[in-house]
Amino acid sequence: MKKNTIKIAMYLNYFVFAILLNSVGIVILKAQRNYGVDEVQASILEAYKDLPIAIVSFLIASFLPRLGYKKAMLIGLGLVAAACLSMYFGNSFGSAKILFATVGISFALIKVSVYSLIGTVTKNQKEHNSLMSSIEGVFMLGIALAYFLFPAFNSESDSNSWLNVYLLLAAISVLSFGFLFFAKFDNQTEIPGVNLADDFKQMFRLFAKLLTVVFVISAFLFVMIEQGIMTWLPTFNDKVLHLPENISIMMASILAISLAAGRLLAGEITKKVNWIWVLTVCILCAMLVVIFVLPKTVGLEVIEINSLSDIPLIGFAFPLVGLFIAPIYPLLNSVILSALPKSLHSSMTGLIVVFSALGGTLGSRIIGWLFKNQGPENAFYFTLIPMTLLLISFFILKKLTRKNEI
């Protein structure tokens, strides 16, 4: 098996979907301006993205090894290329719903394949932790690019100019499809059951493990935090900091860049430091940012802002929370997968994706509701609740996985 080829394919596919998946915050902002919907209506786009991810992952994860991970990724890339063209020509809130539903379906295929393949190219938990963190770091770099890519196509004089970005995204998807199609690697993965029905049963049996229950709750809580902040940060920048639309979107890239830096850095740190200490320090620092930095951000005096250089330094501080929450998700995923036989990695990944998608949907809806009813200046304070619960879950997982560590 050519491990380097597999890794390049995983990095490239994850990068493409990072741009598409996490443009939802940008499209929510555009939908409010271009399609005449309010905050709560616009937030439904998160559900159109996440629910298909959850449903498809649940249905196909257990027997995806029989289809083959390469074929699954090719199907995902083909679907998403068509969806981008549909958004370009459709130009409506309905088209946006179709786009994110298709992206969700495709990403389910990609993510289950990528997470399952990681176990085939790593030897122990530390290698697994490191590769998982670096892949998720590349994912964040794709998200950061999205925050610059969309403004580059946006024009104040033409409300439809931003749609041209979907032609580029379709082209990138086709290029990624081509690389993967011609890449040669074996797909020698273990199959969980003796037939399709047994494959599906194996995934349900995972729920009998306390480790699985604690983990899925932890994954749910984290994604609720991350997606809630990431999805609504452009709107926060627009309504609280009163930034121009393009600058609101570009400012949100700071969160993505800090997430990328945090995950890539964690990939190196976890080679030497146990994951429990990395995550404990990270979540405590994230809570301190919310408690002490966010109030100063909200209290900024409104001035005329025409470029990033006009924004006071404290305005850049809150998005740096991403640096501290970044390592949590990949390390949690790596911990649970390393604790299970490789034959169950695909099934477990299905559960990871399902509960991550549900957490993302609920997080976005809750923050959207808080933006409307509690005010955009107060909404992010409520992330302290799931952060506290996460801190508790880390130590429970540590106890349950102690015997699996190398």
Protein backbone atom coordinates (compact mmCIF):
# COMPACT_ATOMS: atom_id res chain seq x y z
CA MET A 1 0.00 0.00 0.00
CA LYS A 2 1.44 3.37 -1.01
CA LYS A 3 0.90 5.32 2.19
CA ASN A 4 2.04 8.67 0.83
CA THR A 5 -0.46 8.49 -2.03
CA ILE A 6 -3.26 7.74 0.41
CA LYS A 7 -2.25 10.65 2.64
CA ILE A 8 -2.14 13.10 -0.29
CA ALA A 9 -5.59 11.95 -1.43
CA MET A 10 -6.97 12.42 2.10
CA TYR A 11 -5.45 15.89 2.47
CA LEU A 12 -6.68 17.04 -0.95
CA ASN A 13 -10.26 15.79 -0.57
CA TYR A 14 -10.58 17.20 2.92
CA PHE A 15 -9.29 20.56 1.69
CA VAL A 16 -11.94 20.78 -1.05
CA PHE A 17 -14.79 19.98 1.30
CA ALA A 18 -13.52 22.36 3.95
CA ILE A 19 -14.15 25.28 1.60
CA LEU A 20 -17.65 24.10 0.74
CA LEU A 21 -18.89 22.95 4.14
CA ASN A 22 -17.81 25.96 6.08
CA SER A 23 -19.00 28.51 3.58
CA VAL A 24 -22.39 28.02 5.25
CA GLY A 25 -21.79 31.02 7.55
CA ILE A 26 -21.02 33.18 4.53
CA VAL A 27 -24.08 31.93 2.63
CA ILE A 28 -26.25 32.55 5.72
CA LEU A 29 -25.11 36.16 5.66
CA LYS A 30 -25.70 36.43 1.88
CA ALA A 31 -29.12 34.76 2.21
CA GLN A 32 -30.24 37.42 4.69
CA ARG A 33 -29.14 40.16 2.33
CA ASN A 34 -30.01 38.68 -1.09
CA TYR A 35 -32.91 36.31 -0.50
CA GLY A 36 -34.91 38.17 2.16
CA VAL A 37 -34.77 35.65 5.01
CA ASP A 38 -34.20 36.34 8.72
CA GLU A 39 -31.60 34.82 11.08
CA VAL A 40 -33.68 31.82 12.14
CA GLN A 41 -34.76 31.02 8.57
CA ALA A 42 -31.19 31.36 7.30
CA SER A 43 -29.85 29.05 10.03
CA ILE A 44 -31.79 26.15 8.46
CA LEU A 45 -28.94 25.88 5.92
CA GLU A 46 -26.86 24.32 8.69
CA ALA A 47 -29.48 21.59 9.04
CA TYR A 48 -29.55 21.01 5.28
CA LYS A 49 -25.79 20.45 5.49
CA ASP A 50 -25.56 18.45 8.70
CA LEU A 51 -28.63 16.22 8.65
CA PRO A 52 -27.70 14.55 5.32
CA ILE A 53 -24.22 14.00 6.76
CA ALA A 54 -25.77 12.30 9.78
CA ILE A 55 -28.31 10.20 7.85
CA VAL A 56 -25.95 9.05 5.10
CA SER A 57 -23.14 8.29 7.55
CA PHE A 58 -25.50 6.22 9.67
CA LEU A 59 -26.76 4.25 6.67
CA ILE A 60 -23.52 3.58 4.80
CA ALA A 61 -20.63 3.69 7.29
CA SER A 62 -20.80 0.07 8.41
CA PHE A 63 -20.58 -1.41 4.91
CA LEU A 64 -18.53 1.28 3.14
CA PRO A 65 -15.44 -1.00 3.28
CA ARG A 66 -17.28 -3.36 0.92
CA LEU A 67 -17.82 -0.56 -1.62
CA GLY A 68 -14.26 0.65 -1.33
CA TYR A 69 -13.04 3.95 0.07
CA LYS A 70 -11.66 5.15 -3.27
CA LYS A 71 -14.99 4.63 -5.05
CA ALA A 72 -16.85 6.35 -2.20
CA MET A 73 -14.62 9.42 -2.42
CA LEU A 74 -14.98 9.59 -6.21
CA ILE A 75 -18.78 9.52 -5.89
CA GLY A 76 -18.63 12.33 -3.32
CA LEU A 77 -16.46 14.55 -5.52
CA GLY A 78 -18.67 13.98 -8.58
CA LEU A 79 -21.82 14.91 -6.69
CA VAL A 80 -20.36 18.06 -5.22
CA ALA A 81 -19.10 19.31 -8.61
CA ALA A 82 -22.65 19.04 -9.94
CA ALA A 83 -24.04 20.79 -6.84
CA CYS A 84 -21.73 23.79 -7.32
CA LEU A 85 -22.98 24.25 -10.88
CA SER A 86 -26.56 23.96 -9.61
CA MET A 87 -25.97 26.79 -7.13
CA TYR A 88 -24.42 29.01 -9.81
CA PHE A 89 -27.34 28.65 -12.20
CA GLY A 90 -30.08 28.43 -9.53
CA ASN A 91 -29.19 31.56 -7.50
CA SER A 92 -31.91 31.21 -4.85
CA PHE A 93 -32.39 30.19 -1.23
CA GLY A 94 -33.78 26.90 -2.53
CA SER A 95 -30.62 26.33 -4.56
CA ALA A 96 -28.56 26.96 -1.44
CA LYS A 97 -30.54 24.27 0.37
CA ILE A 98 -29.89 21.80 -2.45
CA LEU A 99 -26.19 22.72 -2.48
CA PHE A 100 -25.64 22.07 1.21
CA ALA A 101 -27.75 18.90 1.20
CA THR A 102 -25.59 17.50 -1.62
CA VAL A 103 -22.39 18.65 0.06
CA GLY A 104 -23.56 16.93 3.24
CA ILE A 105 -24.22 13.63 1.46
CA SER A 106 -20.85 13.79 -0.30
CA PHE A 107 -18.92 14.71 2.81
CA ALA A 108 -20.35 11.72 4.65
CA LEU A 109 -18.68 9.50 2.04
CA ILE A 110 -15.42 11.44 2.21
CA LYS A 111 -15.14 11.67 6.00
CA VAL A 112 -15.93 8.03 6.74
CA SER A 113 -13.38 7.01 4.10
CA VAL A 114 -10.66 9.33 5.36
CA TYR A 115 -11.08 8.48 9.05
CA SER A 116 -11.12 4.77 8.29
CA LEU A 117 -8.00 4.98 6.13
CA ILE A 118 -6.00 6.74 8.87
CA GLY A 119 -5.94 3.52 10.87
CA THR A 120 -4.38 1.67 7.93
CA VAL A 121 -1.39 4.03 7.59
CA THR A 122 -0.48 4.51 11.28
CA LYS A 123 1.14 2.12 13.76
CA ASN A 124 0.10 3.37 17.22
CA GLN A 125 -2.01 5.93 19.07
CA LYS A 126 0.60 8.69 18.95
CA GLU A 127 0.95 8.37 15.17
CA HIS A 128 -2.83 8.25 14.89
CA ASN A 129 -3.16 11.40 17.04
CA SER A 130 -0.58 13.22 14.94
CA LEU A 131 -2.00 12.33 11.50
CA MET A 132 -5.57 12.98 12.60
CA SER A 133 -4.60 16.43 13.90
CA SER A 134 -2.65 17.34 10.75
CA ILE A 135 -5.49 16.27 8.43
CA GLU A 136 -7.96 18.32 10.45
CA GLY A 137 -5.44 21.17 10.36
CA VAL A 138 -5.44 21.09 6.55
CA PHE A 139 -9.24 21.09 6.76
CA MET A 140 -9.03 24.35 8.70
CA LEU A 141 -6.70 25.85 6.10
CA GLY A 142 -9.41 25.14 3.54
CA ILE A 143 -11.89 26.93 5.75
CA ALA A 144 -9.55 29.92 6.04
CA LEU A 145 -9.24 30.06 2.25
CA ALA A 146 -13.04 30.16 1.96
CA TYR A 147 -13.15 33.40 3.94
CA PHE A 148 -10.87 35.04 1.39
CA LEU A 149 -12.15 33.24 -1.68
CA PHE A 150 -15.76 34.38 -1.35
CA PRO A 151 -14.94 38.09 -0.76
CA ALA A 152 -12.61 37.97 -3.78
CA PHE A 153 -15.64 37.24 -5.97
CA ASN A 154 -18.01 39.57 -4.11
CA SER A 155 -18.88 43.01 -5.50
CA GLU A 156 -20.91 45.78 -3.92
CA SER A 157 -22.18 46.80 -7.37
CA ASP A 158 -23.28 43.30 -8.46
CA SER A 159 -25.25 41.26 -5.91
CA ASN A 160 -24.82 38.08 -7.98
CA SER A 161 -21.06 38.27 -8.55
CA TRP A 162 -20.28 36.06 -5.54
CA LEU A 163 -21.87 33.10 -7.32
CA ASN A 164 -18.89 32.91 -9.68
CA VAL A 165 -16.95 31.26 -6.86
CA TYR A 166 -19.01 28.11 -7.46
CA LEU A 167 -17.60 27.75 -10.97
CA LEU A 168 -14.12 27.70 -9.44
CA LEU A 169 -15.19 25.23 -6.73
CA ALA A 170 -16.69 22.93 -9.37
CA ALA A 171 -13.40 23.01 -11.27
CA ILE A 172 -11.39 22.24 -8.11
CA SER A 173 -13.68 19.29 -7.38
CA VAL A 174 -13.15 17.93 -10.89
CA LEU A 175 -9.36 18.26 -10.50
CA SER A 176 -9.48 16.45 -7.17
CA PHE A 177 -11.61 13.75 -8.81
CA GLY A 178 -8.97 13.33 -11.51
CA PHE A 179 -6.09 12.98 -9.04
CA LEU A 180 -7.96 10.40 -6.98
CA PHE A 181 -9.14 8.49 -10.07
CA PHE A 182 -5.59 7.96 -11.35
CA ALA A 183 -4.01 7.44 -7.93
CA LYS A 184 -3.09 3.81 -7.33
CA PHE A 185 -3.47 2.38 -3.86
CA ASP A 186 -4.72 -0.83 -2.40
CA ASN A 187 -7.88 -0.89 -0.32
CA GLN A 188 -7.08 -3.78 1.97
CA THR A 189 -9.31 -2.97 4.92
CA GLU A 190 -10.95 -5.26 7.40
CA ILE A 191 -14.70 -5.82 6.99
CA PRO A 192 -16.63 -5.76 10.28
CA GLY A 193 -19.24 -8.48 9.60
CA VAL A 194 -19.92 -11.51 7.45
CA ASN A 195 -22.58 -9.72 5.39
CA LEU A 196 -24.27 -6.31 5.06
CA ALA A 197 -26.79 -6.99 7.82
CA ASP A 198 -24.02 -8.06 10.18
CA ASP A 199 -21.98 -4.98 9.26
CA PHE A 200 -24.90 -2.81 10.37
CA LYS A 201 -25.32 -4.75 13.61
CA GLN A 202 -21.67 -4.18 14.48
CA MET A 203 -22.26 -0.43 14.51
CA PHE A 204 -25.22 -0.78 16.88
CA ARG A 205 -23.20 -3.01 19.19
CA LEU A 206 -20.79 -0.13 19.72
CA PHE A 207 -23.53 1.63 21.70
CA ALA A 208 -23.22 -1.08 24.35
CA LYS A 209 -19.80 0.30 25.24
CA LEU A 210 -19.64 3.05 27.88
CA LEU A 211 -16.61 4.39 26.01
CA THR A 212 -18.75 4.98 22.92
CA VAL A 213 -21.52 6.71 24.86
CA VAL A 214 -19.14 9.11 26.61
CA PHE A 215 -17.33 9.82 23.36
CA VAL A 216 -20.38 10.63 21.22
CA ILE A 217 -21.60 13.03 23.91
CA SER A 218 -18.17 14.70 23.90
CA ALA A 219 -18.10 14.96 20.09
CA PHE A 220 -21.64 16.36 20.11
CA LEU A 221 -20.70 19.05 22.65
CA PHE A 222 -17.54 20.09 20.85
CA VAL A 223 -19.09 20.47 17.42
CA MET A 224 -21.95 22.42 19.01
CA ILE A 225 -19.33 24.92 20.22
CA GLU A 226 -17.20 25.04 17.09
CA GLN A 227 -19.97 25.24 14.51
CA GLY A 228 -21.99 27.66 16.61
CA ILE A 229 -19.08 30.10 16.71
CA MET A 230 -17.84 29.50 13.18
CA THR A 231 -21.24 29.77 11.51
CA TRP A 232 -22.28 32.97 13.26
CA LEU A 233 -18.97 34.81 13.50
CA PRO A 234 -19.49 36.66 10.16
CA THR A 235 -22.90 37.84 11.41
CA PHE A 236 -21.35 38.79 14.79
CA ASN A 237 -18.72 40.86 12.98
CA ASP A 238 -21.43 42.51 10.88
CA LYS A 239 -23.93 43.32 13.65
CA VAL A 240 -21.74 43.84 16.72
CA LEU A 241 -18.50 45.22 15.28
CA HIS A 242 -20.39 46.87 12.39
CA LEU A 243 -17.85 45.81 9.81
CA PRO A 244 -18.48 46.00 6.05
CA GLU A 245 -19.69 42.69 4.60
CA ASN A 246 -16.43 41.65 2.93
CA ILE A 247 -14.37 42.55 6.00
CA SER A 248 -16.85 40.66 8.24
CA ILE A 249 -16.22 37.54 6.19
CA MET A 250 -12.45 37.99 6.04
CA MET A 251 -12.29 38.62 9.80
CA ALA A 252 -13.96 35.26 10.36
CA SER A 253 -10.96 33.70 8.62
CA ILE A 254 -8.92 34.46 11.74
CA LEU A 255 -10.92 31.78 13.54
CA ALA A 256 -10.22 29.27 10.78
CA ILE A 257 -6.51 30.14 10.67
CA SER A 258 -6.23 29.80 14.44
CA LEU A 259 -8.04 26.45 14.25
CA ALA A 260 -5.61 25.27 11.57
CA ALA A 261 -2.59 26.43 13.57
CA GLY A 262 -3.93 24.80 16.74
CA ARG A 263 -4.48 21.43 15.06
CA LEU A 264 -1.18 21.37 13.20
CA LEU A 265 0.64 22.37 16.41
CA ALA A 266 -1.24 19.72 18.38
CA GLY A 267 -0.13 17.13 15.85
CA GLU A 268 3.45 17.79 16.95
CA ILE A 269 2.82 18.31 20.66
CA THR A 270 0.92 15.04 21.09
CA LYS A 271 4.01 13.15 19.92
CA LYS A 272 5.54 14.08 23.28
CA VAL A 273 2.68 15.12 25.60
CA ASN A 274 -0.26 12.95 26.62
CA TRP A 275 -3.52 14.00 24.98
CA ILE A 276 -5.38 14.53 28.28
CA TRP A 277 -3.09 17.37 29.33
CA VAL A 278 -3.22 18.99 25.89
CA LEU A 279 -7.03 18.99 25.93
CA THR A 280 -7.35 20.15 29.53
CA VAL A 281 -5.11 23.18 29.00
CA CYS A 282 -6.87 23.97 25.71
CA ILE A 283 -10.42 23.97 27.07
CA LEU A 284 -9.46 26.05 30.13
CA CYS A 285 -7.77 28.64 27.90
CA ALA A 286 -10.83 28.73 25.61
CA MET A 287 -13.08 29.42 28.60
CA LEU A 288 -10.78 32.26 29.72
CA VAL A 289 -11.01 33.83 26.25
CA VAL A 290 -14.81 33.81 26.40
CA ILE A 291 -14.87 35.20 29.96
CA PHE A 292 -12.24 37.94 29.65
CA VAL A 293 -11.73 38.75 25.93
CA LEU A 294 -15.28 38.62 24.55
CA PRO A 295 -16.62 41.46 26.80
CA LYS A 296 -13.90 43.80 25.53
CA THR A 297 -14.70 42.87 21.93
CA VAL A 298 -18.39 43.60 22.44
CA GLY A 299 -17.52 46.91 24.07
CA LEU A 300 -15.59 48.28 21.10
CA GLU A 301 -16.48 51.82 20.10
CA VAL A 302 -17.98 51.98 16.62
CA ILE A 303 -15.63 53.77 14.21
CA GLU A 304 -15.47 53.99 10.46
CA ILE A 305 -13.83 50.81 9.23
CA ASN A 306 -12.84 50.39 5.60
CA SER A 307 -10.04 47.82 5.86
CA LEU A 308 -8.60 45.24 8.26
CA SER A 309 -5.98 47.75 9.41
CA ASP A 310 -8.73 50.04 10.77
CA ILE A 311 -9.92 47.42 13.29
CA PRO A 312 -8.58 47.78 16.88
CA LEU A 313 -6.34 44.90 17.95
CA ILE A 314 -8.85 43.65 20.53
CA GLY A 315 -11.23 43.03 17.62
CA PHE A 316 -8.90 40.26 16.44
CA ALA A 317 -8.67 38.60 19.85
CA PHE A 318 -11.92 36.63 20.21
CA PRO A 319 -11.45 34.55 17.02
CA LEU A 320 -8.19 33.32 18.58
CA VAL A 321 -10.37 31.07 20.72
CA GLY A 322 -9.97 28.71 17.76
CA LEU A 323 -6.32 28.16 18.69
CA PHE A 324 -7.44 26.51 21.93
CA ILE A 325 -10.51 24.57 20.83
CA ALA A 326 -8.72 23.32 17.70
CA PRO A 327 -7.01 20.20 19.07
CA ILE A 328 -10.12 18.88 20.84
CA TYR A 329 -12.03 17.29 17.95
CA PRO A 330 -9.22 15.42 16.16
CA LEU A 331 -7.71 14.18 19.42
CA LEU A 332 -11.06 12.92 20.73
CA ASN A 333 -11.63 11.08 17.44
CA SER A 334 -8.14 9.62 17.49
CA VAL A 335 -8.52 8.44 21.09
CA ILE A 336 -11.74 6.53 20.37
CA LEU A 337 -10.56 5.01 17.08
CA SER A 338 -7.23 3.92 18.58
CA ALA A 339 -9.15 2.12 21.32
CA LEU A 340 -11.12 -0.02 18.83
CA PRO A 341 -10.16 -2.80 16.39
CA LYS A 342 -9.52 -1.56 12.84
CA SER A 343 -12.47 -3.59 11.58
CA LEU A 344 -14.77 -1.27 13.56
CA HIS A 345 -13.16 2.02 12.47
CA SER A 346 -15.64 2.59 9.63
CA SER A 347 -18.64 1.89 11.88
CA MET A 348 -17.26 4.12 14.64
CA THR A 349 -16.55 6.86 12.13
CA GLY A 350 -20.19 6.68 11.08
CA LEU A 351 -21.21 7.41 14.67
CA ILE A 352 -18.63 10.20 14.90
CA VAL A 353 -20.04 11.87 11.79
CA VAL A 354 -23.66 11.40 12.88
CA PHE A 355 -23.24 13.01 16.27
CA SER A 356 -20.88 15.68 14.93
CA ALA A 357 -23.52 16.64 12.37
CA LEU A 358 -26.27 16.72 14.98
CA GLY A 359 -24.09 18.82 17.26
CA GLY A 360 -23.31 21.25 14.43
CA THR A 361 -26.98 21.63 13.53
CA LEU A 362 -28.11 22.14 17.12
CA GLY A 363 -25.23 24.49 17.88
CA SER A 364 -26.01 26.70 14.90
CA ARG A 365 -29.74 26.75 15.67
CA ILE A 366 -29.15 27.61 19.32
CA ILE A 367 -26.72 30.42 18.51
CA GLY A 368 -29.13 31.68 15.82
CA TRP A 369 -31.94 31.72 18.39
CA LEU A 370 -29.71 33.49 20.92
CA PHE A 371 -28.64 36.07 18.31
CA LYS A 372 -32.27 36.92 17.69
CA ASN A 373 -33.64 36.74 21.24
CA GLN A 374 -30.69 37.52 23.55
CA GLY A 375 -28.80 39.83 21.20
CA PRO A 376 -25.68 39.09 19.11
CA GLU A 377 -23.47 40.62 21.82
CA ASN A 378 -24.53 37.96 24.38
CA ALA A 379 -24.94 34.76 22.33
CA PHE A 380 -21.40 33.41 22.52
CA TYR A 381 -21.29 33.50 26.34
CA PHE A 382 -23.52 30.43 26.41
CA THR A 383 -20.68 28.31 24.94
CA LEU A 384 -19.26 28.15 28.48
CA ILE A 385 -21.87 25.52 29.38
CA PRO A 386 -20.81 22.83 26.84
CA MET A 387 -17.15 23.74 27.48
CA THR A 388 -17.54 22.84 31.15
CA LEU A 389 -19.22 19.54 30.31
CA LEU A 390 -16.43 18.75 27.85
CA LEU A 391 -13.77 19.24 30.50
CA ILE A 392 -15.49 16.63 32.67
CA SER A 393 -15.80 14.18 29.77
CA PHE A 394 -12.05 14.31 29.04
CA PHE A 395 -11.16 12.68 32.34
CA ILE A 396 -13.86 10.03 31.97
CA LEU A 397 -12.48 9.12 28.53
CA LYS A 398 -8.95 9.06 29.93
CA LYS A 399 -9.97 6.48 32.51
CA LEU A 400 -11.83 4.35 29.97
CA THR A 401 -9.00 4.31 27.40
CA ARG A 402 -5.99 4.08 29.72
CA LYS A 403 -5.27 0.43 28.85
CA ASN A 404 -5.18 1.17 25.08
CA GLU A 405 -2.44 3.78 25.18
CA ILE A 406 1.03 3.00 23.91
